[in-house]
């Protein structure tokens, strides 16, 4: 009973915050649309937790929640906090390896949950409510960006990118990947404000904090977003030529691929060792040029084409395939418009499309399990949907170079 009362108390606080006049005046949509989207996100978060509660041992979300309670019982002093929350001195020798950053992500997320447990009476669903409220701010930042880039569209259209079923399922719940999308939402808007010359004095500081969070959650996304952002700055702020900007972006991406070739192969081998069902097929990836070239067609197919066969009778696979088909239809409509010169693509938009394509290509190389591939690919579905839906509508602005 106390848990239910506490849940309703924090729910009222969350709703009151989004209705608060000082905050709601800055929202890009009417308040009832914002509350509706928040209700969808929260409903999916609670459903996600309930669905996975039937097999908590195989759920990262419940495992992190249980771990936060366990570590909370071990911490009785400040030294204990650092001992149990972060890698010890010997583990820092693995700082260049994927496993180090994956463990650090899990530890930091459990620290966040420990903090929430202090006020939620260690209730999973109340934690999910607070986490949904916080990460929803990142969703609103992304909506703000869409409203700036593509103004004068009906309010309901700005909600469409978030209504992808796989995204709602995997990125609404109590999971560190939900925080990952929130950070990308803040980064996307702050990067636009900087390259367009509309940044406030605190924008750069917040961008640095978001990049630090991105470093902990997904180190390869940290480097990939950093490459795109640096080239944006060179093009928009330094006045470099478009061809030079593209050459530099592709060159830095190749350097990133070469530097991470061994880690990508090891990560794929890790997934091969965990395969129980939903295996896509193929062969182990090796950190050699010939192996990457050999796997390139398969990585493209896995990343960008629906993978549904008679043996894959899971509803998730069919839904993910339908989402990709919608993206391909939208891309075809955009190509028709671009060919007829009815619209144009800014370098800022092209940078995000490039970021999505490279990220999905990395997933195609490293994730040989269809369920995991769908989960990680759905992170950027709202970006892909927005970049393909809104150019087909009437509202649009451009970014002026310095």
Foldseek 3Di string as FASTA:
>chain_A
DVLVVLLVVVVVVLLCVCVPVVNVVPFPFHSVVLVVLLVLLLVLQVVLCVVCVVPLVPDLLSVLLVVLVVLLVQDDDPVSCPVQQADDPVLVVCVVAPVRLVVNLSSVLSVVSNVVCVRNVSDQSSSLSVVLSVLVQLVRLQLVVLCVFFPDDPRVVSCVLCPQVLCSNQQSHSDVLVNVLSLVSLLLNLLVCVLQVNHDPCSVVSNVVSLVSNCSNPVLLSQLVVLLSVLSCCCFEVVDDPVVSVVSSVVSVVVSCLSCLQNLLVLQVVQVVVDDDQFQDDDRADSDPVSCVVCQVQLCCLLQAQDDDPVPPDPLSVSLRVLSVVLVVLVVVVVVCVVVVVFDDASSLVSVVVSLVSVSSSLSSRHRGNVVSSNVNSSCSSSSCSSRPSRVDDGGDYRHGD
